[in-house]
Amino acid sequence: MKVIKRDGRIQEFDIGKIQVTLENVSDEISKPLTASDIKKLLTSIEKAVYSRNQEEIRSSEIFEIVIEKLEKAGFHDIAAAYKKGKD
């Protein structure tokens, strides 16, 4: 799957980039995620991205999926910090 970045560039979807970002954000607010939490979140995010059955997805759509999955899993503080980092 291809990701359309905000500046129009196109890249391959890489769940590893989301993992690094989530780890960094959670560490920055002193609420580190466990390996198990990260695995569950990444699986859920990846499933949501691919379930759209599209060849391309906008990075903003992925951003919304990540926020939704963090909120749904109860990681409200991390979701807020993730949103703030995007501003």
N, C-alpha and C. Protein backbone atom coordinates (compact mmCIF):
# COMPACT_ATOMS: atom_id res chain seq x y z
N MET A 1 0.85 -1.17 0.00
CA MET A 1 0.00 0.00 0.00
C MET A 1 0.89 1.23 0.00
N LYS A 2 0.47 2.23 -0.73
CA LYS A 2 1.20 3.49 -0.82
C LYS A 2 0.57 4.53 0.10
N VAL A 3 1.41 5.39 0.67
CA VAL A 3 0.96 6.47 1.53
C VAL A 3 1.23 7.79 0.82
N ILE A 4 0.18 8.62 0.73
CA ILE A 4 0.33 9.95 0.15
C ILE A 4 0.62 10.91 1.30
N LYS A 5 1.85 11.44 1.32
CA LYS A 5 2.27 12.34 2.37
C LYS A 5 1.63 13.72 2.17
N ARG A 6 1.69 14.55 3.21
CA ARG A 6 1.10 15.89 3.13
C ARG A 6 1.68 16.73 2.01
N ASP A 7 2.97 16.53 1.73
CA ASP A 7 3.62 17.32 0.69
C ASP A 7 3.46 16.71 -0.71
N GLY A 8 2.68 15.63 -0.79
CA GLY A 8 2.39 15.01 -2.08
C GLY A 8 3.29 13.84 -2.45
N ARG A 9 4.38 13.67 -1.71
CA ARG A 9 5.25 12.52 -1.97
C ARG A 9 4.48 11.23 -1.69
N ILE A 10 4.92 10.16 -2.34
CA ILE A 10 4.30 8.85 -2.13
C ILE A 10 5.36 7.89 -1.63
N GLN A 11 5.02 7.17 -0.55
CA GLN A 11 5.93 6.20 0.04
C GLN A 11 5.17 4.91 0.32
N GLU A 12 5.93 3.85 0.51
CA GLU A 12 5.33 2.58 0.92
C GLU A 12 4.87 2.71 2.37
N PHE A 13 3.75 2.08 2.70
CA PHE A 13 3.28 2.04 4.09
C PHE A 13 4.30 1.27 4.91
N ASP A 14 4.70 1.81 6.05
CA ASP A 14 5.69 1.18 6.92
C ASP A 14 5.21 1.28 8.36
N ILE A 15 4.70 0.18 8.89
CA ILE A 15 4.17 0.15 10.25
C ILE A 15 5.28 0.43 11.26
N GLY A 16 6.52 0.18 10.88
CA GLY A 16 7.65 0.44 11.76
C GLY A 16 7.79 1.92 12.11
N LYS A 17 7.44 2.80 11.18
CA LYS A 17 7.50 4.24 11.45
C LYS A 17 6.49 4.62 12.53
N ILE A 18 5.33 4.00 12.49
CA ILE A 18 4.30 4.26 13.50
C ILE A 18 4.79 3.73 14.85
N GLN A 19 5.41 2.58 14.85
CA GLN A 19 5.94 2.01 16.09
C GLN A 19 6.93 2.96 16.74
N VAL A 20 7.88 3.45 15.97
CA VAL A 20 8.90 4.36 16.52
C VAL A 20 8.25 5.62 17.08
N THR A 21 7.29 6.16 16.35
CA THR A 21 6.60 7.37 16.80
C THR A 21 5.85 7.11 18.10
N LEU A 22 5.13 6.02 18.18
CA LEU A 22 4.38 5.70 19.40
C LEU A 22 5.32 5.50 20.59
N GLU A 23 6.43 4.82 20.37
CA GLU A 23 7.39 4.61 21.45
C GLU A 23 7.96 5.95 21.92
N ASN A 24 8.31 6.81 20.97
CA ASN A 24 8.88 8.11 21.32
C ASN A 24 7.88 8.99 22.07
N VAL A 25 6.64 9.05 21.57
CA VAL A 25 5.62 9.88 22.20
C VAL A 25 5.32 9.38 23.61
N SER A 26 5.16 8.09 23.77
CA SER A 26 4.84 7.55 25.09
C SER A 26 6.00 7.76 26.07
N ASP A 27 7.22 7.64 25.59
CA ASP A 27 8.38 7.89 26.45
C ASP A 27 8.48 9.36 26.85
N GLU A 28 8.20 10.25 25.89
CA GLU A 28 8.28 11.69 26.16
C GLU A 28 7.34 12.14 27.27
N ILE A 29 6.19 11.50 27.38
CA ILE A 29 5.24 11.88 28.43
C ILE A 29 5.34 10.95 29.64
N SER A 30 6.41 10.17 29.69
CA SER A 30 6.70 9.26 30.81
C SER A 30 5.59 8.24 31.04
N LYS A 31 5.02 7.76 29.95
CA LYS A 31 4.02 6.69 30.02
C LYS A 31 4.35 5.65 28.96
N PRO A 32 5.53 5.02 29.11
CA PRO A 32 5.97 4.08 28.08
C PRO A 32 5.00 2.91 27.89
N LEU A 33 4.84 2.53 26.66
CA LEU A 33 3.99 1.40 26.32
C LEU A 33 4.78 0.10 26.49
N THR A 34 4.12 -0.95 26.90
CA THR A 34 4.78 -2.26 26.99
C THR A 34 4.89 -2.84 25.58
N ALA A 35 5.74 -3.82 25.44
CA ALA A 35 5.89 -4.49 24.14
C ALA A 35 4.56 -5.09 23.70
N SER A 36 3.83 -5.62 24.66
CA SER A 36 2.53 -6.21 24.37
C SER A 36 1.53 -5.16 23.88
N ASP A 37 1.52 -4.01 24.55
CA ASP A 37 0.62 -2.92 24.14
C ASP A 37 0.96 -2.46 22.71
N ILE A 38 2.24 -2.31 22.45
CA ILE A 38 2.67 -1.86 21.12
C ILE A 38 2.25 -2.86 20.05
N LYS A 39 2.47 -4.13 20.34
CA LYS A 39 2.11 -5.18 19.38
C LYS A 39 0.61 -5.15 19.07
N LYS A 40 -0.21 -5.04 20.12
CA LYS A 40 -1.67 -5.00 19.93
C LYS A 40 -2.08 -3.77 19.13
N LEU A 41 -1.51 -2.61 19.47
CA LEU A 41 -1.85 -1.38 18.76
C LEU A 41 -1.45 -1.46 17.29
N LEU A 42 -0.23 -1.93 17.03
CA LEU A 42 0.24 -1.99 15.65
C LEU A 42 -0.59 -2.97 14.82
N THR A 43 -0.96 -4.08 15.42
CA THR A 43 -1.81 -5.05 14.71
C THR A 43 -3.15 -4.43 14.37
N SER A 44 -3.73 -3.73 15.33
CA SER A 44 -5.02 -3.08 15.14
C SER A 44 -4.94 -1.97 14.08
N ILE A 45 -3.88 -1.17 14.13
CA ILE A 45 -3.70 -0.08 13.17
C ILE A 45 -3.50 -0.64 11.76
N GLU A 46 -2.63 -1.63 11.65
CA GLU A 46 -2.33 -2.22 10.35
C GLU A 46 -3.59 -2.85 9.74
N LYS A 47 -4.35 -3.54 10.56
CA LYS A 47 -5.59 -4.16 10.10
C LYS A 47 -6.56 -3.10 9.59
N ALA A 48 -6.69 -1.99 10.32
CA ALA A 48 -7.59 -0.91 9.91
C ALA A 48 -7.14 -0.26 8.59
N VAL A 49 -5.84 -0.09 8.44
CA VAL A 49 -5.31 0.52 7.22
C VAL A 49 -5.60 -0.37 6.01
N TYR A 50 -5.26 -1.65 6.13
CA TYR A 50 -5.44 -2.57 5.00
C TYR A 50 -6.90 -2.92 4.74
N SER A 51 -7.75 -2.80 5.74
CA SER A 51 -9.17 -3.14 5.56
C SER A 51 -9.88 -2.13 4.65
N ARG A 52 -9.24 -1.02 4.39
CA ARG A 52 -9.83 -0.02 3.50
C ARG A 52 -9.78 -0.46 2.04
N ASN A 53 -9.01 -1.50 1.76
CA ASN A 53 -8.92 -2.05 0.41
C ASN A 53 -8.64 -0.99 -0.65
N GLN A 54 -7.67 -0.15 -0.36
CA GLN A 54 -7.27 0.89 -1.28
C GLN A 54 -5.81 0.67 -1.65
N GLU A 55 -5.42 1.16 -2.81
CA GLU A 55 -4.02 1.07 -3.19
C GLU A 55 -3.22 2.19 -2.53
N GLU A 56 -3.90 3.31 -2.23
CA GLU A 56 -3.26 4.45 -1.62
C GLU A 56 -4.09 4.95 -0.44
N ILE A 57 -3.39 5.53 0.52
CA ILE A 57 -4.06 6.12 1.68
C ILE A 57 -3.31 7.39 2.05
N ARG A 58 -4.03 8.38 2.46
CA ARG A 58 -3.39 9.65 2.87
C ARG A 58 -2.82 9.50 4.28
N SER A 59 -1.72 10.17 4.52
CA SER A 59 -1.10 10.11 5.85
C SER A 59 -2.05 10.64 6.91
N SER A 60 -2.91 11.59 6.53
CA SER A 60 -3.89 12.12 7.49
C SER A 60 -4.90 11.05 7.91
N GLU A 61 -5.23 10.14 7.00
CA GLU A 61 -6.14 9.04 7.35
C GLU A 61 -5.47 8.09 8.34
N ILE A 62 -4.20 7.83 8.11
CA ILE A 62 -3.45 6.95 9.03
C ILE A 62 -3.38 7.61 10.40
N PHE A 63 -3.14 8.91 10.42
CA PHE A 63 -3.08 9.67 11.67
C PHE A 63 -4.38 9.49 12.45
N GLU A 64 -5.51 9.62 11.78
CA GLU A 64 -6.82 9.46 12.43
C GLU A 64 -7.02 8.04 12.95
N ILE A 65 -6.56 7.05 12.20
CA ILE A 65 -6.66 5.66 12.63
C ILE A 65 -5.85 5.45 13.91
N VAL A 66 -4.64 5.99 13.93
CA VAL A 66 -3.77 5.83 15.11
C VAL A 66 -4.44 6.45 16.34
N ILE A 67 -4.96 7.67 16.18
CA ILE A 67 -5.65 8.33 17.30
C ILE A 67 -6.82 7.47 17.78
N GLU A 68 -7.62 7.01 16.84
CA GLU A 68 -8.78 6.18 17.19
C GLU A 68 -8.37 4.94 17.97
N LYS A 69 -7.34 4.25 17.51
CA LYS A 69 -6.90 3.01 18.17
C LYS A 69 -6.30 3.28 19.55
N LEU A 70 -5.57 4.38 19.69
CA LEU A 70 -5.04 4.75 21.00
C LEU A 70 -6.17 5.04 21.98
N GLU A 71 -7.14 5.82 21.52
CA GLU A 71 -8.29 6.17 22.39
C GLU A 71 -9.07 4.91 22.78
N LYS A 72 -9.33 4.07 21.80
CA LYS A 72 -10.12 2.85 22.03
C LYS A 72 -9.43 1.92 23.04
N ALA A 73 -8.08 1.93 23.01
CA ALA A 73 -7.32 1.07 23.92
C ALA A 73 -7.11 1.72 25.29
N GLY A 74 -7.60 2.95 25.44
CA GLY A 74 -7.50 3.61 26.74
C GLY A 74 -6.24 4.45 26.94
N PHE A 75 -5.48 4.66 25.89
CA PHE A 75 -4.25 5.45 25.99
C PHE A 75 -4.54 6.90 25.61
N HIS A 76 -5.38 7.54 26.40
CA HIS A 76 -5.84 8.91 26.11
C HIS A 76 -4.71 9.93 26.17
N ASP A 77 -3.82 9.78 27.15
CA ASP A 77 -2.70 10.71 27.28
C ASP A 77 -1.75 10.62 26.09
N ILE A 78 -1.50 9.40 25.64
CA ILE A 78 -0.62 9.19 24.49
C ILE A 78 -1.29 9.72 23.23
N ALA A 79 -2.59 9.50 23.10
CA ALA A 79 -3.33 10.03 21.94
C ALA A 79 -3.24 11.55 21.91
N ALA A 80 -3.39 12.19 23.06
CA ALA A 80 -3.32 13.66 23.12
C ALA A 80 -1.93 14.15 22.75
N ALA A 81 -0.90 13.48 23.24
CA ALA A 81 0.48 13.87 22.92
C ALA A 81 0.77 13.63 21.44
N TYR A 82 0.23 12.56 20.90
CA TYR A 82 0.42 12.24 19.47
C TYR A 82 -0.22 13.32 18.61
N LYS A 83 -1.42 13.75 19.00
CA LYS A 83 -2.11 14.84 18.28
C LYS A 83 -1.29 16.11 18.36
N LYS A 84 -0.81 16.42 19.55
CA LYS A 84 -0.06 17.65 19.78
C LYS A 84 1.22 17.67 18.93
N GLY A 85 1.84 16.53 18.79
CA GLY A 85 3.06 16.43 17.99
C GLY A 85 2.84 16.71 16.52
N LYS A 86 1.62 16.53 16.08
CA LYS A 86 1.27 16.74 14.67
C LYS A 86 1.09 18.23 14.37
N ASP A 87 0.77 19.03 15.38
CA ASP A 87 0.53 20.46 15.19
C ASP A 87 1.79 21.22 14.84
